[in-house]
């Protein structure tokens, strides 16, 4: 996102699935299916465990490896999809993740693996020391923040097996963190060959949501709050006790990649359950936007995709507003399971609490709990695009007259000094001056906020189609890379296809070619092979040069 480090995300080829009949597919997704007959999460894990024993060879599992369940999806017909992380001699394996697909009766169908390479090392003893790996990561952090005076710089290396970048090798994954001249956090994860000391990869790791409230951007909005004695708390008991607190313009203190002291999240309270004034001078106004954005994001995932909360466990997150000094950023952080919003510098950006920003950042949390797309190369672009796509879906879902749905990202927070009407433009991503409209072999070399343009363009074309049109008062004119004409299938279907692809078929190493396969598999599951929707997915990918 230009140089907003986040509205960024973070983190960190696809095998096909067995064909099923159209009748079975329809039954699998029928809302009238007998919910009582669906296997539980525990049963799905038990079935998958049996499958691991039977399919160990085909999954590349050996006695030196361990597995841990990350996520479980059970379809309406009882089909089960269990996602695993992998270890090798108790070391995390980057790219070792895989998804096991099971029939309703628990029998094995197929699997998606992030890598099909054999995971076997001659030794798990590094030749490069941990302190040297830390020094190299700190140097990389300084190089990525050229011109900034960094302070409180720390780095914590972790020994891992890297199966994402060619032949599996022993590596140091080091989280280097610091503060810039304003005291705001900067962080970078550096992957270093534990034998040669060569840098393998690196990526940013701060990832760049009954009363009422007057917000900065969305007008007067409804809020569910908690009454404690005679005081109302900005805590929503209907959405996992999600709450919003004031960071008091302070920042986190992090050492060796671990935050030992966090900026406060002093819970907002009120006496009459009417929050904010709609002006930045009232600190509660930004809190209203943040809580509202969290509410709409929660509702979108629950009501559209059946996901209860970011982690799918019904637990709420929390928000911190007024973070740092003139902080031009907002980010989701898995370690605190929280959203953090800066106030902006007032020239480039206003407070970063807009609705699509909340949907974007919180969707990074969903990605980290599911496919965990590695935050570099093409998978990093897909990580960012996933947040742009779902941030857009949340904005349309909210149907707020003060902030109507559009295919612009961050248009509410941009100030005239930025020189653009928005941070990103999904209909023609290159309008931001940096993003890619079309895939090429060099896309993976771009910053992930620019390589995301290919998937954003795909999602717009699949939703709305090519050519000129006006939606909610905004004019669009989306071209195609191959000169074709694309007919859209509507954003609701696009959201469902992308969500199923993300939660069932994508893995940490998914690139654009594999994303095409994943979304085609998702469209086949939802609408049938050869359906209008399936063919439209193929046409939209071809229209952005992904084949």
Protein backbone atom coordinates (compact mmCIF):
# COMPACT_ATOMS: atom_id res chain seq x y z
CA UNK A 1 0.00 0.00 0.00
CA UNK A 2 2.32 2.66 -1.15
CA UNK A 3 4.54 2.98 1.82
CA UNK A 4 1.91 2.27 4.38
CA UNK A 5 3.56 -0.79 5.73
CA UNK A 6 0.19 -2.14 6.32
CA UNK A 7 -2.59 -1.86 5.31
CA UNK A 8 -0.33 -4.77 4.80
CA UNK A 9 -0.66 -8.22 6.02
CA UNK A 10 1.78 -10.84 6.78
CA UNK A 11 2.85 -14.32 7.05
CA UNK A 12 4.07 -16.81 6.83
CA UNK A 13 1.49 -26.77 -6.22
CA UNK A 14 -1.94 -27.29 -5.45
CA UNK A 15 -3.00 -30.87 -6.04
CA UNK A 16 -6.42 -31.49 -7.50
CA UNK A 17 -9.33 -33.14 -5.71
CA UNK A 18 -11.17 -36.25 -6.71
CA UNK A 19 -14.11 -35.63 -9.01
CA UNK A 20 -17.63 -35.91 -7.61
CA UNK A 21 -21.00 -35.88 -9.31
CA UNK A 22 -23.11 -32.76 -9.62
CA UNK A 23 -25.71 -34.42 -7.40
CA UNK A 24 -23.22 -35.00 -4.61
CA UNK A 25 -21.87 -31.47 -4.95
CA UNK A 26 -25.35 -30.02 -4.67
CA UNK A 27 -26.07 -32.14 -1.62
CA UNK A 28 -22.75 -31.12 -0.08
CA UNK A 29 -23.72 -27.48 -0.08
CA UNK A 30 -27.45 -27.75 0.48
CA UNK A 31 -28.65 -25.56 3.36
CA UNK A 32 -31.33 -28.17 4.12
CA UNK A 33 -28.85 -30.96 4.78
CA UNK A 34 -29.28 -32.72 8.11
CA UNK A 35 -26.86 -30.80 10.35
CA UNK A 36 -27.14 -33.49 13.02
CA UNK A 37 -25.54 -36.02 10.67
CA UNK A 38 -22.48 -33.89 10.03
CA UNK A 39 -19.28 -35.13 11.67
CA UNK A 40 -17.92 -33.02 14.50
CA UNK A 41 -14.50 -31.40 14.45
CA UNK A 42 -13.26 -34.14 16.78
CA UNK A 43 -14.55 -36.86 14.46
CA UNK A 44 -12.98 -35.18 11.42
CA UNK A 45 -9.60 -35.03 13.18
CA UNK A 46 -9.91 -38.69 14.20
CA UNK A 47 -10.71 -39.68 10.60
CA UNK A 48 -7.83 -37.61 9.29
CA UNK A 49 -5.47 -39.22 11.80
CA UNK A 50 -6.37 -42.63 10.40
CA UNK A 51 -5.81 -41.30 6.89
CA UNK A 52 -2.34 -40.06 7.85
CA UNK A 53 -1.39 -43.57 8.94
CA UNK A 54 -2.68 -45.11 5.72
CA UNK A 55 -1.36 -42.41 3.40
CA UNK A 56 1.94 -41.62 5.11
CA UNK A 57 4.03 -42.52 2.08
CA UNK A 58 1.98 -40.52 -0.41
CA UNK A 59 2.02 -37.52 1.98
CA UNK A 60 5.78 -37.74 2.43
CA UNK A 61 5.46 -38.42 6.17
CA UNK A 62 8.28 -40.25 7.96
CA UNK A 63 9.07 -41.18 11.54
CA UNK A 64 11.18 -38.01 11.79
CA UNK A 65 8.15 -35.82 11.19
CA UNK A 66 5.29 -34.63 13.35
CA UNK A 67 1.96 -33.05 12.46
CA UNK A 68 -0.41 -30.62 14.17
CA UNK A 69 -3.95 -29.68 13.15
CA UNK A 70 -4.32 -26.02 12.20
CA UNK A 71 -7.91 -25.86 10.89
CA UNK A 72 -10.93 -28.06 10.14
CA UNK A 73 -13.70 -27.48 7.58
CA UNK A 74 -16.77 -29.78 7.52
CA UNK A 75 -19.12 -29.39 4.54
CA UNK A 76 -22.89 -29.66 4.80
CA UNK A 77 -22.81 -33.18 3.32
CA UNK A 78 -20.22 -34.28 5.88
CA UNK A 79 -17.13 -34.05 3.67
CA UNK A 80 -14.15 -33.12 5.84
CA UNK A 81 -11.03 -31.04 5.15
CA UNK A 82 -8.35 -31.08 7.84
CA UNK A 83 -5.35 -28.76 7.53
CA UNK A 84 -2.00 -29.67 9.12
CA UNK A 85 1.33 -28.07 9.89
CA UNK A 86 4.41 -30.29 9.88
CA UNK A 87 7.63 -30.57 11.89
CA UNK A 88 10.92 -32.33 11.18
CA UNK A 89 12.85 -33.49 14.26
CA UNK A 90 10.58 -31.05 16.13
CA UNK A 91 11.60 -28.10 13.92
CA UNK A 92 8.77 -26.21 12.12
CA UNK A 93 8.70 -26.95 8.39
CA UNK A 94 7.93 -23.85 6.30
CA UNK A 95 5.93 -25.16 3.37
CA UNK A 96 5.26 -28.46 5.11
CA UNK A 97 1.57 -27.73 5.48
CA UNK A 98 -1.06 -29.86 3.77
CA UNK A 99 -4.83 -30.42 3.67
CA UNK A 100 -6.40 -33.87 3.88
CA UNK A 101 -9.78 -34.25 2.13
CA UNK A 102 -12.17 -36.92 3.42
CA UNK A 103 -15.52 -38.27 2.22
CA UNK A 104 -18.61 -37.96 4.47
CA UNK A 105 -17.94 -41.47 5.80
CA UNK A 106 -14.43 -40.43 6.80
CA UNK A 107 -12.59 -42.27 4.02
CA UNK A 108 -9.61 -40.62 2.36
CA UNK A 109 -10.14 -38.79 -0.93
CA UNK A 110 -7.06 -36.69 -1.65
CA UNK A 111 -4.69 -34.09 -0.26
CA UNK A 112 -3.18 -30.71 -1.10
CA UNK A 113 0.48 -30.33 -0.16
CA UNK A 114 2.40 -27.05 -0.10
CA UNK A 115 5.44 -29.01 -1.29
CA UNK A 116 5.82 -32.51 -2.70
CA UNK A 117 9.57 -32.61 -2.12
CA UNK A 118 10.93 -35.18 0.32
CA UNK A 119 11.73 -33.58 3.67
CA UNK A 120 14.97 -35.17 4.80
CA UNK A 121 18.14 -33.41 5.96
CA UNK A 122 21.61 -34.77 6.60
CA UNK A 123 21.77 -32.81 9.84
CA UNK A 124 19.73 -30.38 11.91
CA UNK A 125 22.84 -28.80 13.41
CA UNK A 126 23.43 -25.31 11.94
CA UNK A 127 26.83 -24.17 10.72
CA UNK A 128 25.74 -20.52 11.07
CA UNK A 129 25.34 -19.46 14.70
CA UNK A 130 22.15 -17.93 16.05
CA UNK A 131 23.87 -14.62 16.94
CA UNK A 132 25.23 -14.33 13.40
CA UNK A 133 21.75 -15.01 11.97
CA UNK A 134 20.39 -12.29 14.28
CA UNK A 135 23.01 -9.82 13.04
CA UNK A 136 22.15 -10.56 9.41
CA UNK A 137 18.43 -10.06 10.11
CA UNK A 138 19.05 -6.73 11.84
CA UNK A 139 21.08 -5.58 8.84
CA UNK A 140 18.21 -6.60 6.58
CA UNK A 141 15.76 -4.65 8.74
CA UNK A 142 17.94 -1.55 8.57
CA UNK A 143 18.30 -1.91 4.80
CA UNK A 144 14.52 -2.19 4.40
CA UNK A 145 14.08 1.01 6.42
CA UNK A 146 16.81 3.04 4.76
CA UNK A 147 16.80 6.64 5.97
CA UNK A 148 15.11 5.78 9.28
CA UNK A 149 16.92 5.99 12.59
CA UNK A 150 15.97 2.76 14.32
CA UNK A 151 16.09 2.23 18.05
CA UNK A 152 15.42 -0.66 20.44
CA UNK A 153 16.46 -3.08 17.71
CA UNK A 154 16.20 -6.76 18.66
CA UNK A 155 16.20 -10.07 16.80
CA UNK A 156 15.26 -13.61 17.80
CA UNK A 157 16.33 -16.47 15.47
CA UNK A 158 14.41 -19.75 15.31
CA UNK A 159 15.78 -22.84 13.61
CA UNK A 160 13.37 -24.18 10.95
CA UNK A 161 13.31 -26.36 7.87
CA UNK A 162 12.66 -24.32 4.72
CA UNK A 163 10.65 -26.35 2.21
CA UNK A 164 9.27 -23.28 0.44
CA UNK A 165 12.31 -22.43 -1.65
CA UNK A 166 13.43 -25.49 -3.60
CA UNK A 167 15.14 -28.44 -1.94
CA UNK A 168 14.39 -28.45 1.81
CA UNK A 169 17.21 -26.98 3.86
CA UNK A 170 18.00 -25.98 7.41
CA UNK A 171 17.39 -22.26 7.96
CA UNK A 172 17.13 -19.56 10.58
CA UNK A 173 13.82 -17.67 10.67
CA UNK A 174 14.57 -14.44 12.50
CA UNK A 175 12.04 -11.84 13.60
CA UNK A 176 13.84 -8.50 13.77
CA UNK A 177 11.89 -5.67 15.41
CA UNK A 178 12.62 -2.04 16.23
CA UNK A 179 11.07 1.38 16.59
CA UNK A 180 11.38 4.23 14.10
CA UNK A 181 12.19 7.83 14.99
CA UNK A 182 8.59 8.42 16.12
CA UNK A 183 8.55 5.33 18.30
CA UNK A 184 6.34 3.36 15.90
CA UNK A 185 7.09 -0.36 15.38
CA UNK A 186 8.88 -1.78 12.34
CA UNK A 187 9.53 -5.47 11.88
CA UNK A 188 10.90 -7.88 9.31
CA UNK A 189 11.18 -11.65 9.17
CA UNK A 190 14.41 -12.83 7.54
CA UNK A 191 14.99 -16.40 6.36
CA UNK A 192 18.71 -17.29 6.29
CA UNK A 193 20.43 -20.46 5.08
CA UNK A 194 21.78 -22.06 8.27
CA UNK A 195 24.75 -23.50 6.38
CA UNK A 196 25.91 -20.68 4.08
CA UNK A 197 24.45 -17.57 5.73
CA UNK A 198 22.79 -16.53 2.46
CA UNK A 199 19.47 -14.72 2.74
CA UNK A 200 16.72 -16.93 1.33
CA UNK A 201 13.79 -14.54 1.71
CA UNK A 202 12.52 -11.65 3.83
CA UNK A 203 9.18 -9.99 4.46
CA UNK A 204 7.53 -7.38 6.67
CA UNK A 205 5.75 -8.87 9.67
CA UNK A 206 3.48 -6.17 11.06
CA UNK A 207 0.28 -6.73 9.34
CA UNK A 208 0.20 -4.25 6.93
CA UNK A 209 -13.65 -4.00 12.30
CA UNK A 210 -27.59 -1.59 22.19
CA UNK A 211 -26.22 1.83 21.73
CA UNK A 212 -25.18 4.00 18.87
CA UNK A 213 -22.13 5.96 17.86
CA UNK A 214 -21.23 8.85 15.60
CA UNK A 215 -18.29 7.66 13.54
CA UNK A 216 -15.71 9.54 11.49
CA UNK A 217 -16.51 7.80 8.19
CA UNK A 218 -19.72 5.75 8.43
CA UNK A 219 -22.24 8.13 9.99
CA UNK A 220 -24.29 7.09 12.99
CA UNK A 221 -24.03 3.33 13.51
CA UNK A 222 -25.59 0.80 15.90
CA UNK A 223 -23.38 -0.67 18.64
CA UNK A 224 -23.88 -3.56 21.02
CA UNK A 225 -22.30 -2.67 24.37
CA UNK A 226 -21.96 -4.05 27.90
CA UNK A 227 -23.54 -2.38 30.91
CA UNK A 228 -21.32 -2.64 34.00
CA UNK A 229 -22.97 -1.02 36.98
CA UNK A 230 -24.07 2.39 35.70
CA UNK A 231 -21.38 2.58 33.01
CA UNK A 232 -21.49 1.29 29.45
CA UNK A 233 -18.40 -0.45 28.04
CA UNK A 234 -17.52 -0.54 24.34
CA UNK A 235 -17.52 -4.35 24.49
CA UNK A 236 -19.86 -6.48 22.36
CA UNK A 237 -21.16 -9.59 24.18
CA UNK A 238 -22.92 -10.75 21.00
CA UNK A 239 -19.65 -10.99 19.05
CA UNK A 240 -17.29 -12.83 21.33
CA UNK A 241 -16.80 -9.83 23.69
CA UNK A 242 -14.90 -7.89 21.05
CA UNK A 243 -13.92 -4.54 22.52
CA UNK A 244 -12.15 -1.30 21.67
CA UNK A 245 -9.58 0.50 23.82
CA UNK A 246 -7.52 3.69 23.75
CA UNK A 247 -3.77 3.17 23.17
CA UNK A 248 -3.13 6.72 24.44
CA UNK A 249 -0.75 7.39 21.51
CA UNK A 250 1.76 4.93 22.96
CA UNK A 251 3.53 2.03 21.20
CA UNK A 252 4.55 -1.54 22.02
CA UNK A 253 7.89 -2.51 23.52
CA UNK A 254 9.17 -5.65 21.81
CA UNK A 255 12.41 -7.54 22.56
CA UNK A 256 13.71 -10.48 20.53
CA UNK A 257 10.51 -10.52 18.54
CA UNK A 258 8.36 -10.81 21.68
CA UNK A 259 6.32 -7.84 22.86
CA UNK A 260 6.93 -7.63 26.62
CA UNK A 261 4.97 -4.42 26.99
CA UNK A 262 2.03 -3.41 24.85
CA UNK A 263 0.51 -0.01 24.36
CA UNK A 264 -2.55 0.18 26.61
CA UNK A 265 -5.97 -0.75 25.40
CA UNK A 266 -7.92 1.15 28.04
CA UNK A 267 -11.51 0.13 27.48
CA UNK A 268 -13.74 2.98 26.27
CA UNK A 269 -16.67 3.69 28.58
CA UNK A 270 -19.67 6.00 28.40
CA UNK A 271 -22.53 7.05 30.64
CA UNK A 272 -25.40 7.28 28.13
CA UNK A 273 -24.50 4.65 25.49
CA UNK A 274 -24.24 7.30 22.78
CA UNK A 275 -20.63 7.29 21.63
CA UNK A 276 -18.53 9.87 19.81
CA UNK A 277 -19.39 13.07 17.99
CA UNK A 278 -18.14 12.26 14.49
CA UNK A 279 -15.19 14.62 15.01
CA UNK A 280 -11.54 13.66 15.52
CA UNK A 281 -11.41 15.91 18.59
CA UNK A 282 -13.55 13.34 20.42
CA UNK A 283 -11.35 10.27 20.99
CA UNK A 284 -14.43 8.06 21.07
CA UNK A 285 -15.27 8.83 17.43
CA UNK A 286 -12.39 6.73 16.07
CA UNK A 287 -13.34 4.02 18.56
CA UNK A 288 -16.84 3.95 17.08
CA UNK A 289 -15.40 3.34 13.60
CA UNK A 290 -13.12 0.59 14.87
CA UNK A 291 -15.85 -1.24 16.78
CA UNK A 292 -18.27 -0.88 13.87
CA UNK A 293 -15.68 -2.22 11.42
CA UNK A 294 -15.07 -5.21 13.68
CA UNK A 295 -18.81 -5.84 13.97
CA UNK A 296 -19.40 -5.76 10.22
CA UNK A 297 -16.40 -7.98 9.53
CA UNK A 298 -17.57 -10.49 12.14
CA UNK A 299 -21.09 -10.47 10.68
CA UNK A 300 -19.85 -10.85 7.12
CA UNK A 301 -17.79 -13.95 7.89
CA UNK A 302 -20.49 -15.48 10.08
CA UNK A 303 -23.54 -14.76 7.96
CA UNK A 304 -21.97 -15.32 4.55
CA UNK A 305 -19.39 -18.03 5.22
CA UNK A 306 -20.52 -19.57 8.51
CA UNK A 307 -17.27 -18.58 10.24
CA UNK A 308 -17.69 -17.47 13.84
CA UNK A 309 -14.89 -15.02 14.55
CA UNK A 310 -11.50 -14.59 12.96
CA UNK A 311 -10.17 -17.93 14.19
CA UNK A 312 -13.50 -19.68 13.65
CA UNK A 313 -13.77 -20.40 17.38
CA UNK A 314 -16.33 -17.78 18.40
CA UNK A 315 -13.78 -15.73 20.32
CA UNK A 316 -13.62 -11.98 19.83
CA UNK A 317 -10.55 -9.88 19.14
CA UNK A 318 -9.93 -6.36 20.37
CA UNK A 319 -9.07 -2.97 18.87
CA UNK A 320 -6.56 -0.33 19.87
CA UNK A 321 -7.12 3.17 18.48
CA UNK A 322 -4.92 6.29 18.77
CA UNK A 323 -1.75 4.19 18.51
CA UNK A 324 1.64 5.91 18.17
CA UNK A 325 2.45 9.40 16.98
CA UNK A 326 1.01 10.45 13.60
CA UNK A 327 1.10 6.76 12.75
CA UNK A 328 0.19 6.18 9.09
CA UNK A 329 -0.73 2.55 9.51
CA UNK A 330 -3.20 -0.03 10.72
CA UNK A 331 -2.35 -3.66 11.35
CA UNK A 332 -3.61 -7.01 12.54
CA UNK A 333 -1.30 -8.85 14.95
CA UNK A 334 -1.82 -12.58 15.60
CA UNK A 335 0.24 -12.52 18.78
CA UNK A 336 -2.24 -10.26 20.56
CA UNK A 337 -5.21 -11.27 18.38
CA UNK A 338 -5.92 -7.59 17.97
CA UNK A 339 -6.36 -4.76 15.49
CA UNK A 340 -4.34 -1.57 15.89
CA UNK A 341 -5.08 1.79 14.24
CA UNK A 342 -2.94 4.88 13.93
CA UNK A 343 -4.35 8.40 13.69
CA UNK A 344 -2.51 9.24 10.47
CA UNK A 345 -0.44 12.38 9.99
CA UNK A 346 -3.42 14.47 8.88
CA UNK A 347 -1.75 15.29 5.56
CA UNK A 348 -1.36 11.95 3.84
CA UNK A 349 -3.92 10.03 5.87
CA UNK A 350 -6.57 10.65 8.46
CA UNK A 351 -7.29 8.10 11.21
CA UNK A 352 -7.03 4.67 9.60
CA UNK A 353 -10.28 3.31 11.04
CA UNK A 354 -12.28 3.08 7.80
CA UNK A 355 -14.60 0.12 7.21
CA UNK A 356 -12.67 -1.49 4.35
CA UNK A 357 -9.42 -1.08 6.28
CA UNK A 358 -10.92 -3.04 9.19
CA UNK A 359 -12.16 -5.75 6.83
CA UNK A 360 -8.77 -5.85 5.08
CA UNK A 361 -6.66 -6.14 8.23
CA UNK A 362 -8.88 -8.60 10.07
CA UNK A 363 -8.90 -10.80 6.96
CA UNK A 364 -5.15 -11.18 7.41
CA UNK A 365 -6.10 -12.95 10.63
CA UNK A 366 -8.41 -15.30 8.72
CA UNK A 367 -5.63 -16.03 6.22
CA UNK A 368 -3.14 -16.79 9.00
CA UNK A 369 -5.58 -19.26 10.56
CA UNK A 370 -6.24 -21.02 7.25
CA UNK A 371 -3.91 -21.05 4.22
CA UNK A 372 -1.18 -18.96 5.95
CA UNK A 373 -0.01 -17.63 2.58
CA UNK A 374 3.68 -16.77 2.89
CA UNK A 375 4.13 -13.00 2.82
CA UNK A 376 6.57 -12.78 -0.08
CA UNK A 377 6.61 -13.54 -3.79
CA UNK A 378 3.37 -14.47 -5.52
CA UNK A 379 1.89 -16.02 -2.36
CA UNK A 380 2.45 -12.67 -0.61
CA UNK A 381 0.55 -10.89 -3.37
CA UNK A 382 -2.29 -13.37 -2.92
CA UNK A 383 -2.20 -12.76 0.84
CA UNK A 384 -2.64 -9.01 0.29
CA UNK A 385 -5.26 -9.50 -2.41
CA UNK A 386 -7.26 -11.79 -0.11
CA UNK A 387 -7.51 -8.92 2.37
CA UNK A 388 -8.42 -6.42 -0.36
CA UNK A 389 -11.08 -8.77 -1.72
CA UNK A 390 -12.68 -9.46 1.66
CA UNK A 391 -12.27 -5.85 2.82
CA UNK A 392 -14.29 -4.90 -0.26
CA UNK A 393 -16.86 -7.62 0.41
CA UNK A 394 -17.28 -6.34 3.99
CA UNK A 395 -17.85 -2.79 2.73
CA UNK A 396 -20.54 -3.94 0.29
CA UNK A 397 -22.05 -6.24 2.95
CA UNK A 398 -22.40 -3.37 5.43
CA UNK A 399 -24.51 -1.41 2.91
CA UNK A 400 -23.76 1.83 4.73
CA UNK A 401 -25.06 4.94 2.96
CA UNK A 402 -22.21 7.06 4.35
CA UNK A 403 -19.62 4.62 2.97
CA UNK A 404 -21.20 2.74 0.05
CA UNK A 405 -19.49 -0.36 -1.27
CA UNK A 406 -16.88 0.22 -3.97
CA UNK A 407 -13.78 -1.36 -5.51
CA UNK A 408 -11.45 1.29 -4.08
CA UNK A 409 -9.25 0.47 -1.10
CA UNK A 410 -8.84 3.03 1.68
CA UNK A 411 -10.61 5.86 -0.13
CA UNK A 412 -12.00 7.25 3.14
CA UNK A 413 -8.64 7.65 4.88
CA UNK A 414 -6.78 9.31 1.99
CA UNK A 415 -6.19 13.05 2.26
CA UNK A 416 -5.72 15.38 -0.73
CA UNK A 417 -2.00 15.59 -0.03
CA UNK A 418 -1.62 11.95 -1.06
CA UNK A 419 -2.45 12.86 -4.66
CA UNK A 420 -4.72 9.84 -5.24
CA UNK A 421 -8.38 9.10 -4.67
CA UNK A 422 -7.59 5.78 -2.98
CA UNK A 423 -4.74 3.47 -2.04
CA UNK A 424 -5.65 0.79 -4.59
CA UNK A 425 -8.02 0.38 -7.53
CA UNK A 426 -9.30 -3.13 -8.14
CA UNK A 427 -10.76 -2.52 -11.60
CA UNK A 428 -7.42 -1.32 -12.96
CA UNK A 429 -4.72 -1.75 -10.30
CA UNK A 430 -2.05 0.10 -12.31
CA UNK A 431 -3.91 3.37 -11.65
CA UNK A 432 -2.02 3.57 -8.35
CA UNK A 433 1.21 3.90 -10.35
CA UNK A 434 2.79 0.67 -9.12
CA UNK A 435 0.45 -2.31 -9.13
CA UNK A 436 0.31 -4.99 -11.81
CA UNK A 437 -2.83 -5.41 -13.91
CA UNK A 438 -1.58 -8.63 -15.53
CA UNK A 439 0.51 -11.59 -14.49
CA UNK A 440 4.06 -11.97 -15.80
CA UNK A 441 7.03 -13.99 -14.67
CA UNK A 442 8.37 -10.93 -12.84
CA UNK A 443 5.25 -10.27 -10.73
CA UNK A 444 6.67 -12.21 -7.79
CA UNK A 445 9.54 -9.72 -7.57
CA UNK A 446 7.20 -6.83 -6.79
CA UNK A 447 6.24 -5.59 -3.33
CA UNK A 448 3.27 -7.71 -2.24
CA UNK A 449 1.03 -4.64 -2.24
CA UNK A 450 1.67 -4.32 -5.98
CA UNK A 451 1.78 -7.99 -7.02
CA UNK A 452 -1.66 -8.24 -5.38
CA UNK A 453 -3.01 -6.26 -8.33
CA UNK A 454 -3.32 -9.38 -10.49
CA UNK A 455 -5.74 -11.10 -8.09
CA UNK A 456 -7.57 -7.85 -7.34
CA UNK A 457 -8.10 -7.35 -11.08
CA UNK A 458 -9.28 -10.97 -11.40
CA UNK A 459 -11.77 -10.52 -8.54
CA UNK A 460 -13.18 -7.31 -10.01
CA UNK A 461 -13.57 -8.83 -13.50
CA UNK A 462 -15.18 -11.96 -12.09
CA UNK A 463 -17.57 -9.85 -10.01
CA UNK A 464 -18.51 -7.08 -12.43
CA UNK A 465 -17.08 -7.95 -15.85
CA UNK A 466 -14.96 -5.87 -18.18
CA UNK A 467 -15.69 -2.49 -19.72
CA UNK A 468 -17.13 0.80 -18.50
CA UNK A 469 -19.82 0.95 -15.80
CA UNK A 470 -20.87 2.98 -12.76
CA UNK A 471 -21.51 1.30 -9.39
CA UNK A 472 -22.73 3.25 -6.36
CA UNK A 473 -21.71 6.49 -8.06
CA UNK A 474 -18.14 5.36 -8.85
CA UNK A 475 -17.05 4.99 -12.50
CA UNK A 476 -15.00 1.95 -13.53
CA UNK A 477 -13.54 0.83 -16.82
CA UNK A 478 -11.74 -2.47 -16.38
CA UNK A 479 -9.61 -3.69 -19.29
CA UNK A 480 -8.47 -7.25 -19.92
CA UNK A 481 -4.92 -8.34 -20.64
CA UNK A 482 -5.86 -10.60 -23.54
CA UNK A 483 -8.43 -8.34 -25.23
CA UNK A 484 -11.32 -10.57 -24.19
CA UNK A 485 -14.73 -9.53 -22.87
CA UNK A 486 -15.54 -10.92 -19.42
CA UNK A 487 -19.06 -11.22 -17.99
CA UNK A 488 -19.23 -10.98 -14.21
CA UNK A 489 -21.05 -13.43 -11.94
CA UNK A 490 -21.60 -11.01 -9.02
CA UNK A 491 -19.46 -10.32 -5.98
CA UNK A 492 -21.45 -12.62 -3.66
CA UNK A 493 -20.42 -15.66 -5.68
CA UNK A 494 -16.87 -14.37 -5.97
CA UNK A 495 -16.63 -14.05 -2.18
CA UNK A 496 -17.86 -17.60 -1.69
CA UNK A 497 -15.47 -19.00 -4.31
CA UNK A 498 -12.45 -17.17 -2.89
CA UNK A 499 -13.30 -18.15 0.70
CA UNK A 500 -13.60 -21.84 -0.15
CA UNK A 501 -10.39 -21.72 -2.17
CA UNK A 502 -8.59 -20.04 0.76
CA UNK A 503 -9.89 -22.35 3.48
CA UNK A 504 -9.88 -25.67 1.62
CA UNK A 505 -7.36 -25.61 -1.24
CA UNK A 506 -4.70 -22.89 -0.85
CA UNK A 507 -1.53 -23.57 1.13
CA UNK A 508 1.38 -21.44 2.29
CA UNK A 509 3.17 -21.76 -1.07
CA UNK A 510 0.20 -21.12 -3.40
CA UNK A 511 1.20 -18.99 -6.39
CA UNK A 512 -0.98 -17.50 -9.11
CA UNK A 513 -1.13 -20.66 -11.22
CA UNK A 514 -2.12 -22.66 -8.14
CA UNK A 515 -4.67 -20.00 -7.15
CA UNK A 516 -6.33 -20.53 -10.51
CA UNK A 517 -6.56 -24.26 -9.76
CA UNK A 518 -7.80 -23.61 -6.22
CA UNK A 519 -10.58 -21.26 -7.32
CA UNK A 520 -11.62 -23.59 -10.13
CA UNK A 521 -11.87 -26.42 -7.60
CA UNK A 522 -13.91 -24.15 -5.34
CA UNK A 523 -16.23 -23.14 -8.20
CA UNK A 524 -16.66 -26.79 -9.13
CA UNK A 525 -17.59 -27.65 -5.54
CA UNK A 526 -20.05 -24.77 -5.26
CA UNK A 527 -21.61 -24.64 -8.71
CA UNK A 528 -20.48 -27.71 -10.65
CA UNK A 529 -17.84 -28.45 -13.26
CA UNK A 530 -18.64 -26.71 -16.54
CA UNK A 531 -21.11 -24.35 -14.85
CA UNK A 532 -21.37 -20.68 -15.83
CA UNK A 533 -19.49 -19.78 -12.66
CA UNK A 534 -16.73 -22.34 -13.28
CA UNK A 535 -16.20 -21.11 -16.83
CA UNK A 536 -16.25 -17.48 -15.67
CA UNK A 537 -13.47 -18.20 -13.17
CA UNK A 538 -11.33 -19.65 -15.95
CA UNK A 539 -12.10 -16.70 -18.25
CA UNK A 540 -11.30 -14.09 -15.59
CA UNK A 541 -7.93 -15.68 -14.81
CA UNK A 542 -7.11 -15.81 -18.51
CA UNK A 543 -8.09 -12.14 -18.75
CA UNK A 544 -5.29 -11.28 -16.30
CA UNK A 545 -2.81 -13.62 -18.06
CA UNK A 546 -2.92 -16.47 -15.53
CA UNK A 547 -3.36 -19.78 -17.30
